Amino acid sequence: MPNIKSAKKRVLVTETKNARNRSALAEVKTSVRKLNAAIENGEKANAQEIFRETSKLLDQAVSAGRMHLNTAANKKSGFAKRINAMA
């Protein structure tokens, strides 16, 4: 446990940011799971709607520095391919 005042503050700030980042990434993962389920069930219209929401969440995660740009782009590209391949 830190003894210096600024070090104590850094611990608190780090915990707060860590919780915020985990929550945001959990929201992204949940959205990805919903999208995967919609694609597997063959619900194209539903999948397209969820894809828009998921893309927005991925872009927000990138802009906040929670996820790498290429990771998000790779996920979005893969989902777009899978949705477009649906009959």
N, C-alpha and C. Protein backbone atom coordinates (compact mmCIF):
# COMPACT_ATOMS: atom_id res chain seq x y z
N MET A 1 0.85 -1.18 0.00
CA MET A 1 0.00 0.00 0.00
C MET A 1 0.89 1.24 0.00
N PRO A 2 0.59 2.19 -0.88
CA PRO A 2 1.43 3.38 -0.96
C PRO A 2 1.27 4.28 0.26
N ASN A 3 2.34 4.99 0.56
CA ASN A 3 2.33 5.92 1.69
C ASN A 3 2.22 7.37 1.24
N ILE A 4 2.67 7.64 0.02
CA ILE A 4 2.67 9.01 -0.49
C ILE A 4 1.28 9.35 -1.02
N LYS A 5 0.86 10.59 -0.77
CA LYS A 5 -0.49 11.01 -1.12
C LYS A 5 -0.78 10.84 -2.61
N SER A 6 0.15 11.25 -3.47
CA SER A 6 -0.08 11.16 -4.91
C SER A 6 -0.16 9.70 -5.37
N ALA A 7 0.62 8.84 -4.73
CA ALA A 7 0.58 7.42 -5.07
C ALA A 7 -0.76 6.80 -4.67
N LYS A 8 -1.29 7.24 -3.52
CA LYS A 8 -2.61 6.76 -3.08
C LYS A 8 -3.67 7.17 -4.09
N LYS A 9 -3.57 8.40 -4.55
CA LYS A 9 -4.54 8.90 -5.53
C LYS A 9 -4.44 8.10 -6.83
N ARG A 10 -3.23 7.81 -7.28
CA ARG A 10 -3.07 7.04 -8.50
C ARG A 10 -3.72 5.67 -8.39
N VAL A 11 -3.64 5.05 -7.21
CA VAL A 11 -4.28 3.75 -7.01
C VAL A 11 -5.79 3.87 -7.21
N LEU A 12 -6.39 4.90 -6.62
CA LEU A 12 -7.83 5.10 -6.74
C LEU A 12 -8.23 5.40 -8.19
N VAL A 13 -7.48 6.26 -8.85
CA VAL A 13 -7.79 6.62 -10.23
C VAL A 13 -7.66 5.40 -11.14
N THR A 14 -6.62 4.62 -10.91
CA THR A 14 -6.41 3.42 -11.72
C THR A 14 -7.56 2.43 -11.54
N GLU A 15 -8.02 2.25 -10.31
CA GLU A 15 -9.14 1.35 -10.07
C GLU A 15 -10.39 1.83 -10.79
N THR A 16 -10.64 3.13 -10.76
CA THR A 16 -11.82 3.69 -11.42
C THR A 16 -11.74 3.49 -12.93
N LYS A 17 -10.60 3.80 -13.51
CA LYS A 17 -10.43 3.65 -14.96
C LYS A 17 -10.50 2.19 -15.37
N ASN A 18 -9.93 1.31 -14.55
CA ASN A 18 -9.95 -0.12 -14.84
C ASN A 18 -11.39 -0.63 -14.87
N ALA A 19 -12.19 -0.20 -13.89
CA ALA A 19 -13.59 -0.63 -13.84
C ALA A 19 -14.36 -0.11 -15.05
N ARG A 20 -14.10 1.13 -15.45
CA ARG A 20 -14.79 1.72 -16.59
C ARG A 20 -14.41 0.99 -17.88
N ASN A 21 -13.13 0.68 -18.04
CA ASN A 21 -12.68 -0.02 -19.24
C ASN A 21 -13.24 -1.43 -19.30
N ARG A 22 -13.25 -2.14 -18.16
CA ARG A 22 -13.79 -3.49 -18.14
C ARG A 22 -15.27 -3.49 -18.49
N SER A 23 -16.00 -2.52 -17.97
CA SER A 23 -17.43 -2.44 -18.24
C SER A 23 -17.68 -2.19 -19.73
N ALA A 24 -16.92 -1.28 -20.31
CA ALA A 24 -17.10 -0.96 -21.73
C ALA A 24 -16.76 -2.16 -22.61
N LEU A 25 -15.68 -2.86 -22.29
CA LEU A 25 -15.30 -4.02 -23.10
C LEU A 25 -16.29 -5.17 -22.90
N ALA A 26 -16.87 -5.28 -21.72
CA ALA A 26 -17.89 -6.31 -21.49
C ALA A 26 -19.12 -6.02 -22.34
N GLU A 27 -19.45 -4.74 -22.49
CA GLU A 27 -20.58 -4.36 -23.33
C GLU A 27 -20.31 -4.73 -24.79
N VAL A 28 -19.09 -4.53 -25.24
CA VAL A 28 -18.71 -4.89 -26.60
C VAL A 28 -18.83 -6.41 -26.78
N LYS A 29 -18.31 -7.16 -25.82
CA LYS A 29 -18.35 -8.62 -25.93
C LYS A 29 -19.79 -9.14 -25.96
N THR A 30 -20.66 -8.54 -25.15
CA THR A 30 -22.06 -8.94 -25.14
C THR A 30 -22.70 -8.69 -26.49
N SER A 31 -22.41 -7.53 -27.06
CA SER A 31 -22.96 -7.20 -28.37
C SER A 31 -22.45 -8.16 -29.44
N VAL A 32 -21.18 -8.53 -29.35
CA VAL A 32 -20.60 -9.49 -30.31
C VAL A 32 -21.29 -10.84 -30.17
N ARG A 33 -21.56 -11.27 -28.94
CA ARG A 33 -22.25 -12.55 -28.73
C ARG A 33 -23.65 -12.52 -29.35
N LYS A 34 -24.36 -11.39 -29.16
CA LYS A 34 -25.70 -11.27 -29.74
C LYS A 34 -25.64 -11.34 -31.26
N LEU A 35 -24.63 -10.68 -31.83
CA LEU A 35 -24.48 -10.68 -33.28
C LEU A 35 -24.17 -12.08 -33.79
N ASN A 36 -23.28 -12.78 -33.12
CA ASN A 36 -22.96 -14.15 -33.52
C ASN A 36 -24.20 -15.04 -33.46
N ALA A 37 -25.00 -14.88 -32.42
CA ALA A 37 -26.21 -15.68 -32.29
C ALA A 37 -27.18 -15.38 -33.43
N ALA A 38 -27.34 -14.10 -33.76
CA ALA A 38 -28.26 -13.73 -34.84
C ALA A 38 -27.78 -14.28 -36.18
N ILE A 39 -26.48 -14.26 -36.41
CA ILE A 39 -25.94 -14.79 -37.67
C ILE A 39 -26.14 -16.30 -37.73
N GLU A 40 -25.89 -16.99 -36.64
CA GLU A 40 -26.04 -18.44 -36.62
C GLU A 40 -27.49 -18.86 -36.79
N ASN A 41 -28.43 -18.05 -36.31
CA ASN A 41 -29.84 -18.37 -36.44
C ASN A 41 -30.40 -17.99 -37.81
N GLY A 42 -29.60 -17.31 -38.62
CA GLY A 42 -30.03 -16.94 -39.96
C GLY A 42 -30.97 -15.75 -40.01
N GLU A 43 -30.96 -14.91 -39.00
CA GLU A 43 -31.82 -13.73 -38.95
C GLU A 43 -31.07 -12.54 -39.55
N LYS A 44 -31.17 -12.38 -40.86
CA LYS A 44 -30.35 -11.36 -41.54
C LYS A 44 -30.73 -9.94 -41.13
N ALA A 45 -32.01 -9.63 -41.07
CA ALA A 45 -32.44 -8.27 -40.73
C ALA A 45 -32.01 -7.92 -39.30
N ASN A 46 -32.22 -8.87 -38.41
CA ASN A 46 -31.82 -8.66 -37.01
C ASN A 46 -30.30 -8.53 -36.90
N ALA A 47 -29.59 -9.34 -37.66
CA ALA A 47 -28.12 -9.30 -37.63
C ALA A 47 -27.60 -7.97 -38.13
N GLN A 48 -28.24 -7.41 -39.17
CA GLN A 48 -27.80 -6.12 -39.69
C GLN A 48 -28.00 -5.01 -38.66
N GLU A 49 -29.12 -5.07 -37.95
CA GLU A 49 -29.38 -4.06 -36.91
C GLU A 49 -28.37 -4.17 -35.78
N ILE A 50 -28.11 -5.37 -35.33
CA ILE A 50 -27.15 -5.58 -34.24
C ILE A 50 -25.74 -5.22 -34.71
N PHE A 51 -25.46 -5.47 -36.00
CA PHE A 51 -24.15 -5.13 -36.56
C PHE A 51 -23.88 -3.63 -36.47
N ARG A 52 -24.91 -2.81 -36.75
CA ARG A 52 -24.75 -1.36 -36.64
C ARG A 52 -24.40 -0.96 -35.21
N GLU A 53 -25.10 -1.54 -34.24
CA GLU A 53 -24.84 -1.24 -32.83
C GLU A 53 -23.44 -1.70 -32.42
N THR A 54 -23.08 -2.91 -32.86
CA THR A 54 -21.78 -3.46 -32.51
C THR A 54 -20.65 -2.63 -33.13
N SER A 55 -20.84 -2.20 -34.36
CA SER A 55 -19.82 -1.37 -35.02
C SER A 55 -19.62 -0.07 -34.25
N LYS A 56 -20.70 0.51 -33.80
CA LYS A 56 -20.61 1.75 -33.03
C LYS A 56 -19.85 1.52 -31.73
N LEU A 57 -20.15 0.44 -31.04
CA LEU A 57 -19.46 0.14 -29.79
C LEU A 57 -17.97 -0.12 -30.03
N LEU A 58 -17.65 -0.83 -31.11
CA LEU A 58 -16.25 -1.09 -31.44
C LEU A 58 -15.51 0.22 -31.74
N ASP A 59 -16.16 1.11 -32.50
CA ASP A 59 -15.53 2.40 -32.82
C ASP A 59 -15.32 3.24 -31.56
N GLN A 60 -16.29 3.20 -30.65
CA GLN A 60 -16.14 3.93 -29.40
C GLN A 60 -15.01 3.38 -28.56
N ALA A 61 -14.87 2.06 -28.54
CA ALA A 61 -13.78 1.44 -27.79
C ALA A 61 -12.43 1.84 -28.36
N VAL A 62 -12.35 1.93 -29.69
CA VAL A 62 -11.10 2.34 -30.33
C VAL A 62 -10.78 3.79 -29.99
N SER A 63 -11.78 4.66 -30.08
CA SER A 63 -11.52 6.08 -29.85
C SER A 63 -11.16 6.35 -28.39
N ALA A 64 -11.62 5.50 -27.49
CA ALA A 64 -11.29 5.67 -26.07
C ALA A 64 -9.98 4.99 -25.70
N GLY A 65 -9.38 4.26 -26.67
CA GLY A 65 -8.12 3.60 -26.40
C GLY A 65 -8.26 2.27 -25.69
N ARG A 66 -9.46 1.73 -25.69
CA ARG A 66 -9.70 0.45 -25.01
C ARG A 66 -9.40 -0.74 -25.90
N MET A 67 -9.34 -0.49 -27.22
CA MET A 67 -9.13 -1.57 -28.19
C MET A 67 -8.29 -1.01 -29.33
N HIS A 68 -7.49 -1.86 -29.93
CA HIS A 68 -6.66 -1.44 -31.05
C HIS A 68 -7.51 -1.29 -32.30
N LEU A 69 -7.16 -0.32 -33.10
CA LEU A 69 -7.89 -0.02 -34.32
C LEU A 69 -7.99 -1.23 -35.24
N ASN A 70 -6.90 -1.95 -35.44
CA ASN A 70 -6.90 -3.09 -36.36
C ASN A 70 -7.76 -4.23 -35.83
N THR A 71 -7.81 -4.40 -34.51
CA THR A 71 -8.65 -5.45 -33.92
C THR A 71 -10.12 -5.18 -34.24
N ALA A 72 -10.53 -3.94 -34.03
CA ALA A 72 -11.92 -3.58 -34.29
C ALA A 72 -12.24 -3.69 -35.79
N ALA A 73 -11.32 -3.24 -36.63
CA ALA A 73 -11.54 -3.31 -38.07
C ALA A 73 -11.65 -4.76 -38.53
N ASN A 74 -10.82 -5.63 -37.96
CA ASN A 74 -10.86 -7.05 -38.31
C ASN A 74 -12.19 -7.66 -37.91
N LYS A 75 -12.68 -7.33 -36.73
CA LYS A 75 -13.97 -7.86 -36.27
C LYS A 75 -15.10 -7.37 -37.17
N LYS A 76 -15.13 -6.07 -37.47
CA LYS A 76 -16.19 -5.51 -38.29
C LYS A 76 -16.16 -6.12 -39.69
N SER A 77 -14.99 -6.31 -40.25
CA SER A 77 -14.87 -6.89 -41.58
C SER A 77 -15.40 -8.32 -41.59
N GLY A 78 -15.03 -9.09 -40.59
CA GLY A 78 -15.49 -10.48 -40.51
C GLY A 78 -16.99 -10.59 -40.37
N PHE A 79 -17.57 -9.71 -39.54
CA PHE A 79 -19.02 -9.73 -39.37
C PHE A 79 -19.73 -9.32 -40.66
N ALA A 80 -19.18 -8.31 -41.34
CA ALA A 80 -19.79 -7.85 -42.59
C ALA A 80 -19.78 -8.97 -43.63
N LYS A 81 -18.67 -9.71 -43.71
CA LYS A 81 -18.59 -10.82 -44.65
C LYS A 81 -19.63 -11.89 -44.34
N ARG A 82 -19.74 -12.22 -43.04
CA ARG A 82 -20.69 -13.26 -42.65
C ARG A 82 -22.13 -12.83 -42.91
N ILE A 83 -22.45 -11.56 -42.66
CA ILE A 83 -23.81 -11.08 -42.88
C ILE A 83 -24.11 -11.04 -44.38
N ASN A 84 -23.17 -10.56 -45.18
CA ASN A 84 -23.41 -10.48 -46.63
C ASN A 84 -23.51 -11.88 -47.26
N ALA A 85 -22.89 -12.87 -46.64
CA ALA A 85 -22.95 -14.22 -47.19
C ALA A 85 -24.27 -14.92 -46.87
N MET A 86 -25.05 -14.33 -45.98
CA MET A 86 -26.35 -14.95 -45.62
C MET A 86 -27.30 -14.84 -46.80
N ALA A 87 -28.12 -15.89 -46.98
CA ALA A 87 -29.06 -15.91 -48.11
C ALA A 87 -30.27 -15.04 -47.85
